[in-house]
Amino acid sequence: MSRIEAEAREVLLRRRRALSHGTAQAAADPAAHWADYEAMPEPVSELARRELADIDDALLRIQEGCYGCCLNCGGPLGLQRLRAIPEARYCLACSGHAHLVD
């Protein structure tokens, strides 16, 4: 495992724990007052679910040895991009193209 893969793995696992811990904490007190309960977020929001899936996918790419390669063109994602968005799947060029198509 390369240094960047090790760093990314550590960051991804930390984010995964934080997301999992946050959702578990939100549902921890079922006896809360009804008004407080209504204000609580759902145990796992759709956004958190997607982020967890992205993190798991990135961890799998690290394990399989294909982390840091664009899933569209196969080119490198770049160190700055991986440090900013460790779960990134696409290089900047392919990512921009995907947004234009949507």
N, C-alpha and C. Protein backbone atom coordinates (compact mmCIF):
# COMPACT_ATOMS: atom_id res chain seq x y z
N MET A 1 0.86 -1.17 0.00
CA MET A 1 0.00 0.00 0.00
C MET A 1 0.91 1.23 0.00
N SER A 2 0.63 2.16 -0.91
CA SER A 2 1.43 3.38 -0.99
C SER A 2 1.10 4.33 0.16
N ARG A 3 1.92 5.34 0.31
CA ARG A 3 1.71 6.31 1.39
C ARG A 3 0.38 7.05 1.19
N ILE A 4 0.06 7.45 -0.04
CA ILE A 4 -1.19 8.17 -0.29
C ILE A 4 -2.39 7.26 -0.03
N GLU A 5 -2.27 5.98 -0.38
CA GLU A 5 -3.35 5.04 -0.10
C GLU A 5 -3.54 4.86 1.40
N ALA A 6 -2.44 4.79 2.13
CA ALA A 6 -2.52 4.64 3.59
C ALA A 6 -3.15 5.88 4.22
N GLU A 7 -2.75 7.07 3.75
CA GLU A 7 -3.34 8.31 4.26
C GLU A 7 -4.84 8.36 3.95
N ALA A 8 -5.18 8.04 2.71
CA ALA A 8 -6.59 8.07 2.29
C ALA A 8 -7.41 7.07 3.10
N ARG A 9 -6.87 5.89 3.29
CA ARG A 9 -7.57 4.86 4.07
C ARG A 9 -7.86 5.36 5.48
N GLU A 10 -6.87 5.98 6.10
CA GLU A 10 -7.05 6.50 7.46
C GLU A 10 -8.13 7.58 7.50
N VAL A 11 -8.09 8.51 6.55
CA VAL A 11 -9.09 9.59 6.49
C VAL A 11 -10.48 9.01 6.23
N LEU A 12 -10.57 8.08 5.29
CA LEU A 12 -11.87 7.48 4.96
C LEU A 12 -12.45 6.70 6.13
N LEU A 13 -11.63 5.94 6.83
CA LEU A 13 -12.12 5.18 7.98
C LEU A 13 -12.57 6.12 9.10
N ARG A 14 -11.84 7.22 9.29
CA ARG A 14 -12.23 8.20 10.31
C ARG A 14 -13.57 8.84 9.96
N ARG A 15 -13.74 9.21 8.68
CA ARG A 15 -15.02 9.80 8.24
C ARG A 15 -16.16 8.79 8.37
N ARG A 16 -15.86 7.53 8.05
CA ARG A 16 -16.89 6.49 8.16
C ARG A 16 -17.34 6.32 9.60
N ARG A 17 -16.37 6.30 10.53
CA ARG A 17 -16.72 6.19 11.96
C ARG A 17 -17.53 7.39 12.41
N ALA A 18 -17.14 8.58 11.98
CA ALA A 18 -17.85 9.80 12.38
C ALA A 18 -19.28 9.78 11.87
N LEU A 19 -19.47 9.36 10.62
CA LEU A 19 -20.83 9.27 10.07
C LEU A 19 -21.65 8.23 10.81
N SER A 20 -21.07 7.08 11.04
CA SER A 20 -21.79 6.01 11.74
C SER A 20 -22.10 6.41 13.17
N HIS A 21 -21.15 7.04 13.84
CA HIS A 21 -21.35 7.48 15.22
C HIS A 21 -22.43 8.55 15.29
N GLY A 22 -22.42 9.48 14.36
CA GLY A 22 -23.41 10.56 14.35
C GLY A 22 -24.82 10.05 14.15
N THR A 23 -25.00 9.06 13.27
CA THR A 23 -26.33 8.53 13.04
C THR A 23 -26.80 7.70 14.21
N ALA A 24 -25.89 6.98 14.85
CA ALA A 24 -26.27 6.18 16.02
C ALA A 24 -26.64 7.09 17.18
N GLN A 25 -25.92 8.20 17.31
CA GLN A 25 -26.20 9.13 18.40
C GLN A 25 -27.57 9.77 18.22
N ALA A 26 -27.96 10.04 16.98
CA ALA A 26 -29.24 10.69 16.73
C ALA A 26 -30.41 9.82 17.18
N ALA A 27 -30.26 8.50 17.10
CA ALA A 27 -31.35 7.60 17.46
C ALA A 27 -31.16 7.00 18.86
N ALA A 28 -30.26 7.52 19.64
CA ALA A 28 -29.90 6.89 20.91
C ALA A 28 -30.98 6.98 21.98
N ASP A 29 -31.81 8.00 21.97
CA ASP A 29 -32.78 8.19 23.05
C ASP A 29 -34.21 8.13 22.51
N PRO A 30 -34.81 6.94 22.41
CA PRO A 30 -36.16 6.82 21.89
C PRO A 30 -37.21 7.40 22.83
N ALA A 31 -36.84 7.63 24.10
CA ALA A 31 -37.79 8.17 25.06
C ALA A 31 -37.77 9.70 25.10
N ALA A 32 -37.14 10.32 24.12
CA ALA A 32 -37.08 11.79 24.09
C ALA A 32 -38.49 12.35 23.94
N HIS A 33 -38.67 13.58 24.35
CA HIS A 33 -39.98 14.23 24.19
C HIS A 33 -40.35 14.25 22.71
N TRP A 34 -41.64 14.18 22.43
CA TRP A 34 -42.09 14.09 21.05
C TRP A 34 -41.60 15.26 20.21
N ALA A 35 -41.64 16.48 20.73
CA ALA A 35 -41.17 17.64 19.98
C ALA A 35 -39.68 17.52 19.67
N ASP A 36 -38.92 17.05 20.64
CA ASP A 36 -37.49 16.85 20.41
C ASP A 36 -37.26 15.74 19.39
N TYR A 37 -38.07 14.70 19.47
CA TYR A 37 -37.93 13.56 18.56
C TYR A 37 -38.22 13.98 17.12
N GLU A 38 -39.26 14.82 16.94
CA GLU A 38 -39.60 15.28 15.59
C GLU A 38 -38.47 16.10 14.98
N ALA A 39 -37.74 16.81 15.81
CA ALA A 39 -36.65 17.65 15.32
C ALA A 39 -35.38 16.86 15.01
N MET A 40 -35.31 15.62 15.47
CA MET A 40 -34.12 14.80 15.24
C MET A 40 -34.04 14.38 13.78
N PRO A 41 -32.83 14.30 13.24
CA PRO A 41 -32.70 13.80 11.87
C PRO A 41 -33.00 12.31 11.84
N GLU A 42 -33.33 11.82 10.63
CA GLU A 42 -33.54 10.38 10.48
C GLU A 42 -32.24 9.67 10.86
N PRO A 43 -32.34 8.44 11.38
CA PRO A 43 -31.13 7.73 11.80
C PRO A 43 -30.04 7.71 10.73
N VAL A 44 -30.40 7.45 9.49
CA VAL A 44 -29.43 7.49 8.41
C VAL A 44 -30.07 8.24 7.25
N SER A 45 -29.63 9.46 7.03
CA SER A 45 -30.19 10.26 5.95
C SER A 45 -29.70 9.71 4.61
N GLU A 46 -30.38 10.10 3.57
CA GLU A 46 -29.98 9.67 2.22
C GLU A 46 -28.57 10.18 1.90
N LEU A 47 -28.28 11.40 2.30
CA LEU A 47 -26.95 11.96 2.06
C LEU A 47 -25.87 11.15 2.79
N ALA A 48 -26.12 10.80 4.04
CA ALA A 48 -25.16 9.99 4.81
C ALA A 48 -25.01 8.61 4.19
N ARG A 49 -26.11 8.04 3.74
CA ARG A 49 -26.08 6.72 3.10
C ARG A 49 -25.20 6.75 1.84
N ARG A 50 -25.37 7.82 1.04
CA ARG A 50 -24.56 7.96 -0.18
C ARG A 50 -23.08 8.16 0.15
N GLU A 51 -22.82 8.99 1.17
CA GLU A 51 -21.44 9.24 1.55
C GLU A 51 -20.77 7.97 2.08
N LEU A 52 -21.51 7.19 2.87
CA LEU A 52 -20.98 5.91 3.36
C LEU A 52 -20.68 4.96 2.20
N ALA A 53 -21.57 4.92 1.21
CA ALA A 53 -21.35 4.06 0.04
C ALA A 53 -20.12 4.52 -0.74
N ASP A 54 -19.95 5.84 -0.91
CA ASP A 54 -18.77 6.37 -1.60
C ASP A 54 -17.49 6.01 -0.86
N ILE A 55 -17.54 6.12 0.47
CA ILE A 55 -16.38 5.78 1.30
C ILE A 55 -16.05 4.30 1.17
N ASP A 56 -17.08 3.45 1.24
CA ASP A 56 -16.86 2.01 1.10
C ASP A 56 -16.29 1.66 -0.27
N ASP A 57 -16.78 2.33 -1.32
CA ASP A 57 -16.25 2.10 -2.67
C ASP A 57 -14.77 2.48 -2.75
N ALA A 58 -14.41 3.62 -2.15
CA ALA A 58 -13.01 4.07 -2.16
C ALA A 58 -12.13 3.09 -1.39
N LEU A 59 -12.62 2.61 -0.25
CA LEU A 59 -11.85 1.63 0.53
C LEU A 59 -11.65 0.34 -0.26
N LEU A 60 -12.65 -0.06 -1.02
CA LEU A 60 -12.54 -1.26 -1.86
C LEU A 60 -11.51 -1.03 -2.97
N ARG A 61 -11.51 0.17 -3.58
CA ARG A 61 -10.52 0.46 -4.62
C ARG A 61 -9.10 0.42 -4.05
N ILE A 62 -8.93 0.90 -2.81
CA ILE A 62 -7.61 0.83 -2.16
C ILE A 62 -7.21 -0.63 -2.01
N GLN A 63 -8.14 -1.45 -1.53
CA GLN A 63 -7.87 -2.87 -1.30
C GLN A 63 -7.54 -3.59 -2.61
N GLU A 64 -8.23 -3.22 -3.68
CA GLU A 64 -8.03 -3.88 -4.97
C GLU A 64 -6.83 -3.33 -5.75
N GLY A 65 -6.24 -2.24 -5.25
CA GLY A 65 -5.07 -1.68 -5.91
C GLY A 65 -5.36 -0.76 -7.07
N CYS A 66 -6.59 -0.28 -7.20
CA CYS A 66 -6.92 0.62 -8.30
C CYS A 66 -7.32 2.01 -7.81
N TYR A 67 -6.95 2.34 -6.58
CA TYR A 67 -7.25 3.65 -6.02
C TYR A 67 -6.41 4.72 -6.72
N GLY A 68 -7.03 5.85 -7.00
CA GLY A 68 -6.31 6.96 -7.61
C GLY A 68 -6.40 7.00 -9.11
N CYS A 69 -7.11 6.04 -9.71
CA CYS A 69 -7.31 6.01 -11.16
C CYS A 69 -8.75 6.37 -11.48
N CYS A 70 -8.93 7.18 -12.50
CA CYS A 70 -10.27 7.58 -12.93
C CYS A 70 -11.04 6.35 -13.42
N LEU A 71 -12.25 6.20 -12.95
CA LEU A 71 -13.07 5.04 -13.35
C LEU A 71 -13.59 5.18 -14.78
N ASN A 72 -13.49 6.39 -15.36
CA ASN A 72 -13.96 6.60 -16.72
C ASN A 72 -12.82 6.44 -17.73
N CYS A 73 -11.76 7.23 -17.58
CA CYS A 73 -10.68 7.23 -18.58
C CYS A 73 -9.46 6.43 -18.16
N GLY A 74 -9.37 6.06 -16.87
CA GLY A 74 -8.23 5.29 -16.38
C GLY A 74 -7.02 6.12 -16.03
N GLY A 75 -7.10 7.43 -16.25
CA GLY A 75 -5.98 8.31 -15.93
C GLY A 75 -5.87 8.55 -14.44
N PRO A 76 -4.76 9.16 -14.02
CA PRO A 76 -4.57 9.45 -12.59
C PRO A 76 -5.48 10.58 -12.12
N LEU A 77 -5.96 10.47 -10.88
CA LEU A 77 -6.81 11.52 -10.32
C LEU A 77 -5.99 12.71 -9.85
N GLY A 78 -4.78 12.50 -9.47
CA GLY A 78 -3.92 13.57 -9.00
C GLY A 78 -3.92 13.64 -7.48
N LEU A 79 -2.75 13.92 -6.94
CA LEU A 79 -2.56 13.95 -5.50
C LEU A 79 -3.43 14.99 -4.81
N GLN A 80 -3.50 16.21 -5.38
CA GLN A 80 -4.32 17.26 -4.76
C GLN A 80 -5.78 16.86 -4.70
N ARG A 81 -6.27 16.28 -5.77
CA ARG A 81 -7.69 15.86 -5.81
C ARG A 81 -7.95 14.76 -4.77
N LEU A 82 -7.05 13.81 -4.67
CA LEU A 82 -7.23 12.71 -3.71
C LEU A 82 -7.17 13.21 -2.28
N ARG A 83 -6.31 14.19 -2.02
CA ARG A 83 -6.25 14.74 -0.67
C ARG A 83 -7.49 15.56 -0.35
N ALA A 84 -8.04 16.26 -1.34
CA ALA A 84 -9.24 17.07 -1.12
C ALA A 84 -10.49 16.21 -1.04
N ILE A 85 -10.57 15.21 -1.91
CA ILE A 85 -11.75 14.34 -2.00
C ILE A 85 -11.26 12.89 -2.08
N PRO A 86 -10.95 12.28 -0.94
CA PRO A 86 -10.36 10.94 -0.98
C PRO A 86 -11.26 9.88 -1.61
N GLU A 87 -12.57 10.13 -1.66
CA GLU A 87 -13.47 9.14 -2.27
C GLU A 87 -13.75 9.43 -3.74
N ALA A 88 -13.02 10.39 -4.34
CA ALA A 88 -13.22 10.76 -5.75
C ALA A 88 -13.09 9.53 -6.65
N ARG A 89 -13.95 9.50 -7.67
CA ARG A 89 -13.94 8.38 -8.61
C ARG A 89 -13.40 8.79 -9.98
N TYR A 90 -13.52 10.08 -10.28
CA TYR A 90 -13.20 10.56 -11.62
C TYR A 90 -12.18 11.70 -11.57
N CYS A 91 -11.37 11.81 -12.61
CA CYS A 91 -10.44 12.93 -12.73
C CYS A 91 -11.26 14.20 -12.97
N LEU A 92 -10.60 15.35 -12.91
CA LEU A 92 -11.32 16.62 -13.08
C LEU A 92 -12.01 16.70 -14.44
N ALA A 93 -11.33 16.28 -15.49
CA ALA A 93 -11.91 16.35 -16.83
C ALA A 93 -13.16 15.50 -16.94
N CYS A 94 -13.10 14.27 -16.48
CA CYS A 94 -14.26 13.37 -16.56
C CYS A 94 -15.36 13.79 -15.60
N SER A 95 -14.99 14.30 -14.45
CA SER A 95 -15.97 14.77 -13.48
C SER A 95 -16.75 15.94 -14.04
N GLY A 96 -16.06 16.87 -14.69
CA GLY A 96 -16.72 18.02 -15.31
C GLY A 96 -17.64 17.59 -16.42
N HIS A 97 -17.22 16.62 -17.21
CA HIS A 97 -18.05 16.11 -18.30
C HIS A 97 -19.31 15.45 -17.76
N ALA A 98 -19.19 14.71 -16.67
CA ALA A 98 -20.35 14.03 -16.08
C ALA A 98 -21.38 15.04 -15.61
N HIS A 99 -20.92 16.18 -15.06
CA HIS A 99 -21.86 17.21 -14.60
C HIS A 99 -22.57 17.88 -15.77
N LEU A 100 -21.89 18.03 -16.91
CA LEU A 100 -22.51 18.64 -18.08
C LEU A 100 -23.58 17.74 -18.67
N VAL A 101 -23.37 16.43 -18.61
CA VAL A 101 -24.33 15.47 -19.16
C VAL A 101 -25.60 15.44 -18.32
N ASP A 102 -25.46 15.56 -16.99
CA ASP A 102 -26.62 15.54 -16.09
C ASP A 102 -27.41 16.77 -16.31
